[in-house]
Amino acid sequence: MGTVDPTYPLYPVASVLASAMLLLVLLTNFVRQKWNLGVWFLTFWLFFENATNAINAFVWSDNADIKLYVYCDIVTHIQIITYIVKPMATLIITRRLYLIATLQAVELSSKSKRHWDLAIEWTLGLSISLLVAGPIYYVNQGTRFSVFEGFGCCADNAISILEILILESWTIIPPLVSVTFYYPKVAILYYRQRQAVNSFLRSNPSVSHTNYLRILALASIDILLTLPFAIVSIALTIAQALESSSSFSFYPGWTFLHTDWEPVAIRYVEVSSDTAYLAQLYFNNWTSPILAFAIFGLFGLTSEACTSYWRVICTVGGWFGWKPSVRVRDGPPSLGEIEFGARTQDSGMSGSDLEVGSLAPNSMCGDAPISNRVVQFASVEEASLRREADLKSAGEARGVHGPVDDARVQYRTEDHLPVMKNVSSVMQLCSYPCAQKHITGGESKDLSTI
């Protein structure tokens, strides 16, 4: 018997890739920062849902056999947890972005405030999800589970007014709070105070401007996929229930729901007869892989993540005797060694104005004595001594016996020396803090800019 899903094996392959990508994101420890707890919750549960959905699509690709009871019990509860975590994670993320946009601390300073903040996020991200997937789901659980041909085991909850209020409403209320309260303020505050927010982000090592925008993009995608689908799903459910008013009540009753509680098999032909329900089923299944791809695109392809992947590849390759060469990023050539020597004592040149190119003598060390800020070049000193000897000889020939320093000498190194391009072979600087200058082509440049 062939597979019933015309798109097979597209969905199971996509689910396998999605779960593998999410596992990479989790293992690289890139998004698991304290302020990213909402992203971590979403990534963690999406990984399990995509992995189990892939198994379901392979095992039940051509049948609706009721089997693997314990496995299906676990899978159905994972589906409910993820169903609630998606909107809750959006609320956690937008709330955290709002705190950052209002220039509050990424990590609150007060210990009691930090504990309260963590309690709120863990309650939204885990406690409520487990509560809904546990007792609340059991109250509305019509059968142990359902097996859809081509899709595998799924959760089965009886539609009623109570079920919409205590189970389905969790998929609408958190995204609505995010959209109506946090999200507009995040966008407006970030637009109006962009420079202040960027400065605040730079002052916090745990969060960067790029990560901030990535988290905001993920929250936007999650809202677009979660909120519209939840509204349409509830509207279709209520419309179908109203058509058969006998089956739409406030609550069918505990005895009615939990009697004859055996699993139910549903053929693909039965599902395909209702086009709206079939489209809803496909959309619901594809939401998780799409979110997984978005998470990996935002957080799994960064330079930090790629570096982690390469390290893992090198480690695994080393187990099999493969030793890859170290990857070195292309960068500007080295400027060589720059030696900051001690102050040069008087060497017979004090009192003279030494010009190198067009550099003024006082541009090196402010008002410090010229003798304390002599700039020595590797081969300039020898040329200077030769020049001094020549001048002395010329002075004696003219009958001038005073020190050479009394003569106002302008000396241009380019008249006597070849052009020296390597900084390391050209320069020694005096020990004054203000002497952190770089002499090149007659101009002074701050070393921090080269």
Protein backbone atom coordinates (compact mmCIF):
# COMPACT_ATOMS: atom_id res chain seq x y z
CA MET A 1 0.00 0.00 0.00
CA GLY A 2 1.42 3.40 -0.98
CA THR A 3 1.64 6.54 1.09
CA VAL A 4 -1.53 8.58 1.40
CA ASP A 5 0.04 12.04 1.71
CA PRO A 6 0.71 13.41 -1.80
CA THR A 7 3.60 15.54 -0.47
CA TYR A 8 5.39 12.59 1.16
CA PRO A 9 8.30 12.51 2.07
CA LEU A 10 8.57 16.31 2.12
CA TYR A 11 7.09 16.76 5.58
CA PRO A 12 9.09 14.07 7.45
CA VAL A 13 12.33 15.18 5.79
CA ALA A 14 11.62 18.80 6.73
CA SER A 15 10.87 17.73 10.30
CA VAL A 16 14.14 15.78 10.53
CA LEU A 17 16.12 18.77 9.24
CA ALA A 18 14.27 21.11 11.59
CA SER A 19 14.98 18.97 14.65
CA ALA A 20 18.67 18.63 13.67
CA MET A 21 18.98 22.40 13.25
CA LEU A 22 17.37 23.07 16.62
CA LEU A 23 19.67 20.55 18.26
CA LEU A 24 22.68 22.39 16.82
CA VAL A 25 21.37 25.67 18.19
CA LEU A 26 20.87 24.13 21.64
CA LEU A 27 24.26 22.42 21.73
CA THR A 28 26.23 25.49 20.66
CA ASN A 29 24.82 27.25 23.73
CA PHE A 30 24.41 30.42 21.63
CA VAL A 31 20.85 31.40 22.56
CA ARG A 32 20.84 30.05 26.10
CA GLN A 33 21.40 33.36 27.85
CA LYS A 34 19.50 34.28 30.98
CA TRP A 35 17.52 36.99 29.27
CA ASN A 36 16.71 34.61 26.37
CA LEU A 37 14.71 32.15 28.43
CA GLY A 38 11.70 32.47 26.13
CA VAL A 39 13.81 31.53 23.09
CA TRP A 40 15.25 28.57 24.97
CA PHE A 41 11.77 27.27 25.90
CA LEU A 42 10.60 27.60 22.30
CA THR A 43 13.69 25.92 20.85
CA PHE A 44 13.68 23.06 23.36
CA TRP A 45 10.05 21.99 22.88
CA LEU A 46 10.08 22.59 19.12
CA PHE A 47 13.00 20.17 18.87
CA PHE A 48 11.01 17.35 20.49
CA GLU A 49 7.86 18.12 18.53
CA ASN A 50 9.65 18.11 15.16
CA ALA A 51 11.50 14.90 16.02
CA THR A 52 8.31 13.08 17.04
CA ASN A 53 6.39 14.45 14.05
CA ALA A 54 9.06 13.04 11.73
CA ILE A 55 8.75 9.62 13.39
CA ASN A 56 4.96 9.77 13.13
CA ALA A 57 5.05 10.62 9.43
CA PHE A 58 7.38 7.70 8.69
CA VAL A 59 5.64 5.08 10.86
CA TRP A 60 2.05 5.93 9.81
CA SER A 61 2.77 7.07 6.24
CA ASP A 62 0.52 4.39 4.72
CA ASN A 63 -1.63 3.16 7.60
CA ALA A 64 -3.76 4.17 10.57
CA ASP A 65 -2.90 1.21 12.79
CA ILE A 66 -3.30 1.77 16.51
CA LYS A 67 0.04 0.84 18.06
CA LEU A 68 2.85 2.17 20.23
CA TYR A 69 0.47 3.20 23.00
CA VAL A 70 3.04 4.58 25.45
CA TYR A 71 4.86 6.43 22.69
CA CYS A 72 1.62 8.05 21.53
CA ASP A 73 0.75 9.06 25.10
CA ILE A 74 4.08 10.89 25.37
CA VAL A 75 3.79 12.45 21.91
CA THR A 76 0.29 13.82 22.46
CA HIS A 77 1.36 15.56 25.67
CA ILE A 78 4.43 17.02 23.93
CA GLN A 79 2.09 18.37 21.26
CA ILE A 80 -0.08 20.10 23.87
CA ILE A 81 2.95 21.53 25.68
CA THR A 82 4.40 22.95 22.45
CA TYR A 83 0.97 24.22 21.47
CA ILE A 84 0.98 26.38 24.62
CA VAL A 85 4.71 27.21 24.67
CA LYS A 86 4.60 28.93 21.27
CA PRO A 87 2.37 31.83 22.38
CA MET A 88 3.89 31.90 25.86
CA ALA A 89 7.41 32.21 24.45
CA THR A 90 6.25 35.18 22.37
CA LEU A 91 4.99 36.88 25.52
CA ILE A 92 8.25 36.18 27.39
CA ILE A 93 10.36 37.48 24.50
CA THR A 94 8.39 40.69 23.92
CA ARG A 95 8.29 41.38 27.66
CA ARG A 96 12.08 41.08 27.88
CA LEU A 97 12.56 43.26 24.80
CA TYR A 98 10.26 45.84 26.38
CA LEU A 99 12.43 45.94 29.52
CA ILE A 100 15.50 46.51 27.36
CA ALA A 101 13.78 49.15 25.20
CA THR A 102 12.84 51.08 28.35
CA LEU A 103 16.57 51.03 29.25
CA GLN A 104 16.06 48.85 32.30
CA ALA A 105 18.80 46.44 33.29
CA VAL A 106 19.12 43.19 31.38
CA GLU A 107 19.68 41.51 34.73
CA LEU A 108 17.86 43.27 37.56
CA SER A 109 20.10 44.54 40.35
CA SER A 110 17.88 43.55 43.26
CA LYS A 111 18.00 39.88 44.22
CA SER A 112 14.30 39.82 45.05
CA LYS A 113 13.45 41.42 41.69
CA ARG A 114 15.57 38.87 39.85
CA HIS A 115 13.81 36.02 41.63
CA TRP A 116 10.43 37.55 40.86
CA ASP A 117 11.36 38.04 37.22
CA LEU A 118 12.56 34.43 36.89
CA ALA A 119 9.41 33.20 38.62
CA ILE A 120 7.25 35.03 36.07
CA GLU A 121 9.16 33.64 33.08
CA TRP A 122 9.31 30.06 34.38
CA THR A 123 5.61 30.21 35.21
CA LEU A 124 4.72 31.43 31.73
CA GLY A 125 7.14 29.15 29.90
CA LEU A 126 6.87 25.90 31.84
CA SER A 127 4.36 25.81 34.69
CA ILE A 128 1.33 26.90 32.66
CA SER A 129 2.28 24.62 29.77
CA LEU A 130 2.56 21.57 32.06
CA LEU A 131 -0.69 22.54 33.77
CA VAL A 132 -2.54 22.75 30.47
CA ALA A 133 -0.98 19.55 29.08
CA GLY A 134 -1.74 17.70 32.31
CA PRO A 135 -4.98 18.18 34.28
CA ILE A 136 -6.65 20.72 31.99
CA TYR A 137 -6.15 18.54 28.92
CA TYR A 138 -7.31 15.44 30.81
CA VAL A 139 -10.55 17.18 31.81
CA ASN A 140 -11.36 17.71 28.11
CA GLN A 141 -9.72 14.56 26.70
CA GLY A 142 -12.30 12.61 24.72
CA THR A 143 -10.11 9.58 23.86
CA ARG A 144 -6.66 8.35 24.83
CA PHE A 145 -5.30 9.56 21.47
CA SER A 146 -6.18 9.60 17.77
CA VAL A 147 -4.17 8.12 14.89
CA PHE A 148 -4.41 10.01 11.60
CA GLU A 149 -3.39 8.06 8.53
CA GLY A 150 -0.34 9.77 7.04
CA PHE A 151 0.30 11.91 10.14
CA GLY A 152 0.44 9.56 13.13
CA CYS A 153 -0.88 9.93 16.66
CA CYS A 154 -2.42 13.23 17.73
CA ALA A 155 -4.08 14.66 20.82
CA ASP A 156 -7.86 14.38 20.99
CA ASN A 157 -9.85 16.87 23.03
CA ALA A 158 -13.63 17.20 22.98
CA ILE A 159 -14.91 20.56 21.76
CA SER A 160 -17.00 22.48 24.30
CA ILE A 161 -17.35 25.98 25.70
CA LEU A 162 -15.25 25.00 28.72
CA GLU A 163 -12.54 23.54 26.48
CA ILE A 164 -12.31 26.80 24.52
CA LEU A 165 -12.12 28.86 27.71
CA ILE A 166 -9.51 26.84 29.62
CA LEU A 167 -7.45 25.31 26.79
CA GLU A 168 -7.82 27.07 23.44
CA SER A 169 -7.76 30.55 24.97
CA TRP A 170 -4.08 30.14 25.91
CA THR A 171 -3.19 30.37 22.22
CA ILE A 172 -4.88 33.78 21.88
CA ILE A 173 -4.47 35.69 25.15
CA PRO A 174 -0.62 35.77 25.37
CA PRO A 175 -0.11 36.85 21.72
CA LEU A 176 -2.82 39.48 22.12
CA VAL A 177 -1.05 40.88 25.19
CA SER A 178 2.21 40.90 23.23
CA VAL A 179 0.68 42.62 20.20
CA THR A 180 -1.45 45.18 22.05
CA PHE A 181 0.82 46.05 24.98
CA TYR A 182 4.50 45.10 24.58
CA TYR A 183 5.13 44.96 20.85
CA PRO A 184 3.99 48.53 19.94
CA LYS A 185 5.93 49.99 22.86
CA VAL A 186 9.05 48.04 21.88
CA ALA A 187 8.85 49.33 18.30
CA ILE A 188 8.05 52.94 19.28
CA LEU A 189 10.64 53.17 22.06
CA TYR A 190 13.34 51.61 19.92
CA TYR A 191 12.60 54.00 17.04
CA ARG A 192 12.53 57.10 19.25
CA GLN A 193 15.45 56.18 21.50
CA ARG A 194 17.53 54.17 19.06
CA GLN A 195 20.84 55.74 20.04
CA ALA A 196 20.16 55.34 23.76
CA VAL A 197 19.06 51.73 23.31
CA ASN A 198 22.13 50.94 21.20
CA SER A 199 24.38 52.50 23.84
CA PHE A 200 22.60 50.47 26.52
CA LEU A 201 23.04 47.27 24.52
CA ARG A 202 26.75 47.96 24.03
CA SER A 203 27.16 48.38 27.78
CA ASN A 204 25.76 44.89 28.44
CA PRO A 205 28.04 42.00 27.43
CA SER A 206 25.21 39.46 27.59
CA VAL A 207 23.20 41.09 24.80
CA SER A 208 24.15 42.84 21.58
CA HIS A 209 22.30 45.04 19.13
CA THR A 210 22.30 42.23 16.56
CA ASN A 211 20.89 39.69 19.00
CA TYR A 212 18.23 42.19 20.05
CA LEU A 213 17.01 42.52 16.46
CA ARG A 214 17.16 38.74 15.96
CA ILE A 215 15.00 38.13 19.01
CA LEU A 216 12.57 40.80 17.83
CA ALA A 217 12.37 39.13 14.40
CA LEU A 218 11.70 35.74 15.99
CA ALA A 219 8.92 37.20 18.13
CA SER A 220 7.38 38.76 15.02
CA ILE A 221 7.45 35.47 13.10
CA ASP A 222 5.99 33.60 16.06
CA ILE A 223 3.17 36.10 16.37
CA LEU A 224 2.40 35.93 12.64
CA LEU A 225 2.23 32.13 12.73
CA THR A 226 0.53 31.66 16.09
CA LEU A 227 -2.08 34.38 16.57
CA PRO A 228 -3.84 34.34 13.16
CA PHE A 229 -3.95 30.54 13.11
CA ALA A 230 -5.34 30.39 16.65
CA ILE A 231 -8.09 32.88 15.82
CA VAL A 232 -9.05 31.09 12.59
CA SER A 233 -8.93 27.69 14.28
CA ILE A 234 -11.23 28.71 17.12
CA ALA A 235 -13.60 30.46 14.70
CA LEU A 236 -13.84 27.32 12.52
CA THR A 237 -14.31 25.12 15.59
CA ILE A 238 -17.15 27.26 16.91
CA ALA A 239 -18.77 27.44 13.46
CA GLN A 240 -18.67 23.65 13.04
CA ALA A 241 -19.99 23.14 16.56
CA LEU A 242 -22.88 25.53 16.01
CA GLU A 243 -23.92 23.60 12.89
CA SER A 244 -24.45 20.56 15.08
CA SER A 245 -25.83 22.27 18.16
CA SER A 246 -26.45 18.96 19.90
CA SER A 247 -22.68 18.36 20.27
CA PHE A 248 -21.77 21.89 21.39
CA SER A 249 -22.45 22.31 25.07
CA PHE A 250 -20.71 23.95 27.98
CA TYR A 251 -19.22 20.62 29.09
CA PRO A 252 -20.27 17.11 28.03
CA GLY A 253 -19.51 15.67 31.45
CA TRP A 254 -16.74 13.62 33.02
CA THR A 255 -18.49 10.29 32.61
CA PHE A 256 -19.35 10.90 28.97
CA LEU A 257 -15.79 11.88 28.04
CA HIS A 258 -13.95 9.16 29.95
CA THR A 259 -16.18 6.23 29.05
CA ASP A 260 -15.10 4.13 26.06
CA TRP A 261 -11.74 5.87 26.14
CA GLU A 262 -9.89 3.70 23.61
CA PRO A 263 -7.77 5.26 20.83
CA VAL A 264 -9.46 6.17 17.55
CA ALA A 265 -8.11 5.65 14.00
CA ILE A 266 -9.00 8.20 11.31
CA ARG A 267 -8.43 7.45 7.61
CA TYR A 268 -6.98 10.02 5.22
CA VAL A 269 -10.07 9.74 3.01
CA GLU A 270 -12.26 10.93 5.88
CA VAL A 271 -10.02 13.92 6.52
CA SER A 272 -9.66 14.89 2.84
CA SER A 273 -13.44 15.04 2.45
CA ASP A 274 -13.43 18.22 4.57
CA THR A 275 -11.18 20.67 2.73
CA ALA A 276 -11.13 23.27 5.51
CA TYR A 277 -10.21 20.70 8.14
CA LEU A 278 -7.49 19.21 5.89
CA ALA A 279 -5.96 22.65 5.30
CA GLN A 280 -6.06 23.32 9.03
CA LEU A 281 -4.32 20.00 9.71
CA TYR A 282 -1.53 20.73 7.20
CA PHE A 283 -1.04 24.27 8.46
CA ASN A 284 -0.85 23.08 12.06
CA ASN A 285 1.78 20.48 11.20
CA TRP A 286 3.94 22.82 9.11
CA THR A 287 4.03 25.62 11.70
CA SER A 288 6.68 23.88 13.79
CA PRO A 289 9.20 23.23 10.96
CA ILE A 290 8.81 26.82 9.73
CA LEU A 291 9.50 28.19 13.21
CA ALA A 292 12.49 25.85 13.52
CA PHE A 293 13.96 27.08 10.23
CA ALA A 294 13.46 30.68 11.37
CA ILE A 295 15.26 30.03 14.66
CA PHE A 296 18.18 28.36 12.90
CA GLY A 297 18.38 31.15 10.33
CA LEU A 298 18.51 33.78 13.08
CA PHE A 299 20.75 32.02 15.62
CA GLY A 300 22.35 29.01 13.95
CA LEU A 301 24.24 30.76 11.14
CA THR A 302 26.10 33.37 13.17
CA SER A 303 29.89 33.55 13.24
CA GLU A 304 29.93 32.24 16.82
CA ALA A 305 27.75 29.27 15.91
CA CYS A 306 29.80 28.46 12.79
CA THR A 307 32.97 28.54 14.87
CA SER A 308 31.40 26.05 17.28
CA TYR A 309 30.43 23.78 14.39
CA TRP A 310 33.98 23.84 13.04
CA ARG A 311 35.38 22.94 16.46
CA VAL A 312 33.03 19.98 16.69
CA ILE A 313 34.05 18.86 13.18
CA CYS A 314 37.73 19.13 14.12
CA THR A 315 37.16 17.18 17.34
CA VAL A 316 35.25 14.38 15.63
CA GLY A 317 37.76 14.32 12.78
CA GLY A 318 40.58 13.96 15.27
CA TRP A 319 38.99 10.75 16.56
CA PHE A 320 39.44 9.26 13.08
CA GLY A 321 42.93 10.62 12.49
CA TRP A 322 41.91 13.64 10.41
CA LYS A 323 43.67 16.82 11.47
CA PRO A 324 42.29 19.80 9.55
CA SER A 325 44.37 22.92 9.26
CA VAL A 326 43.52 25.82 11.49
CA ARG A 327 41.23 28.31 9.83
CA VAL A 328 42.60 31.85 9.98
CA ARG A 329 40.47 34.77 8.95
CA ASP A 330 41.85 37.14 6.39
CA GLY A 331 42.98 40.35 7.97
CA PRO A 332 45.22 43.37 7.38
CA PRO A 333 48.97 42.71 7.32
CA SER A 334 50.89 43.16 10.53
CA LEU A 335 52.48 46.53 11.15
CA GLY A 336 55.53 44.90 12.70
CA GLU A 337 56.88 45.64 16.15
CA ILE A 338 56.60 49.12 17.54
CA GLU A 339 59.10 49.72 20.32
CA PHE A 340 58.31 52.26 23.00
CA GLY A 341 61.78 52.98 24.42
CA ALA A 342 62.90 54.96 27.42
CA ARG A 343 63.46 58.68 27.21
CA THR A 344 66.60 59.62 25.28
CA GLN A 345 69.09 61.77 27.15
CA ASP A 346 70.87 64.79 25.71
CA SER A 347 73.03 63.74 22.78
CA GLY A 348 74.33 67.03 21.56
CA MET A 349 71.13 67.97 19.78
CA SER A 350 69.28 69.79 22.58
CA GLY A 351 68.32 73.28 21.66
CA SER A 352 68.01 72.53 17.98
CA ASP A 353 64.76 72.19 16.11
CA LEU A 354 64.58 68.75 14.52
CA GLU A 355 62.05 68.56 11.72
CA VAL A 356 60.86 65.25 10.33
CA GLY A 357 58.83 66.08 7.27
CA SER A 358 56.57 68.92 8.34
CA LEU A 359 56.10 67.82 11.96
CA ALA A 360 56.46 70.65 14.45
CA PRO A 361 58.73 69.87 17.42
CA ASN A 362 56.05 70.53 20.04
CA SER A 363 53.52 68.18 18.42
CA MET A 364 54.92 65.10 20.13
CA CYS A 365 54.91 65.78 23.85
CA GLY A 366 53.26 69.14 24.34
CA ASP A 367 55.37 71.42 26.51
CA ALA A 368 57.97 68.83 27.51
CA PRO A 369 61.63 69.74 26.80
CA ILE A 370 62.82 68.94 23.33
CA SER A 371 65.67 66.88 24.71
CA ASN A 372 63.14 64.57 26.40
CA ARG A 373 61.17 63.85 23.25
CA VAL A 374 63.79 63.11 20.60
CA VAL A 375 62.44 60.72 18.01
CA GLN A 376 65.17 58.28 17.12
CA PHE A 377 65.22 56.37 13.86
CA ALA A 378 67.20 53.22 13.31
CA SER A 379 69.53 54.69 10.70
CA VAL A 380 68.82 58.38 11.26
CA GLU A 381 71.16 58.57 14.25
CA GLU A 382 74.19 57.62 12.18
CA ALA A 383 73.24 60.13 9.49
CA SER A 384 72.76 62.83 12.14
CA LEU A 385 76.20 62.22 13.59
CA ARG A 386 77.70 62.40 10.11
CA ARG A 387 75.81 65.62 9.44
CA GLU A 388 76.94 67.07 12.79
CA ALA A 389 80.56 66.26 11.97
CA ASP A 390 80.22 67.94 8.58
CA LEU A 391 78.72 71.04 10.16
CA LYS A 392 81.44 71.14 12.79
CA SER A 393 84.13 70.91 10.15
CA ALA A 394 82.45 73.65 8.16
CA GLY A 395 82.22 75.82 11.27
CA GLU A 396 85.87 75.39 12.09
CA ALA A 397 86.71 76.33 8.53
CA ARG A 398 84.73 79.56 9.00
CA GLY A 399 86.23 80.17 12.47
CA VAL A 400 83.06 79.33 14.42
CA HIS A 401 83.93 77.33 17.52
CA GLY A 402 80.62 77.34 19.43
CA PRO A 403 78.61 74.15 19.94
CA VAL A 404 76.64 72.88 17.05
CA ASP A 405 73.45 73.21 19.08
CA ASP A 406 73.75 77.00 18.90
CA ALA A 407 73.17 76.89 15.19
CA ARG A 408 69.56 76.71 14.11
CA VAL A 409 69.63 73.63 11.92
CA GLN A 410 66.78 72.33 9.88
CA TYR A 411 67.33 68.77 8.87
CA ARG A 412 65.10 66.80 6.54
CA THR A 413 65.65 63.08 6.70
CA GLU A 414 64.29 62.54 3.22
CA ASP A 415 67.25 64.48 1.81
CA HIS A 416 69.72 61.93 3.15
CA LEU A 417 67.86 58.69 3.71
CA PRO A 418 65.82 56.37 1.50
CA VAL A 419 62.09 56.14 2.18
CA MET A 420 61.47 53.56 4.92
CA LYS A 421 58.03 51.99 4.63
CA ASN A 422 58.02 49.51 7.50
CA VAL A 423 56.93 51.16 10.71
CA SER A 424 58.87 48.70 12.86
CA SER A 425 62.19 49.63 11.21
CA VAL A 426 61.58 53.35 11.37
CA MET A 427 60.38 54.38 14.78
CA GLN A 428 61.15 54.54 18.47
CA LEU A 429 58.95 56.74 20.63
CA CYS A 430 59.60 58.51 23.90
CA SER A 431 58.00 57.27 27.11
CA TYR A 432 55.52 60.13 27.60
CA PRO A 433 51.82 59.07 27.35
CA CYS A 434 51.21 61.88 24.91
CA ALA A 435 53.86 60.45 22.61
CA GLN A 436 51.66 57.68 21.28
CA LYS A 437 51.95 59.02 17.77
CA HIS A 438 52.90 57.43 14.50
CA ILE A 439 55.27 59.31 12.19
CA THR A 440 54.53 58.65 8.53
CA GLY A 441 54.97 60.94 5.56
CA GLY A 442 55.44 63.98 7.78
CA GLU A 443 52.07 63.55 9.54
CA SER A 444 51.21 62.48 13.08
CA LYS A 445 48.49 59.89 13.55
CA ASP A 446 47.01 58.34 16.67
CA LEU A 447 48.11 54.70 17.03
CA SER A 448 44.64 53.59 18.04
CA THR A 449 43.42 54.33 14.53
CA ILE A 450 45.90 52.14 12.63
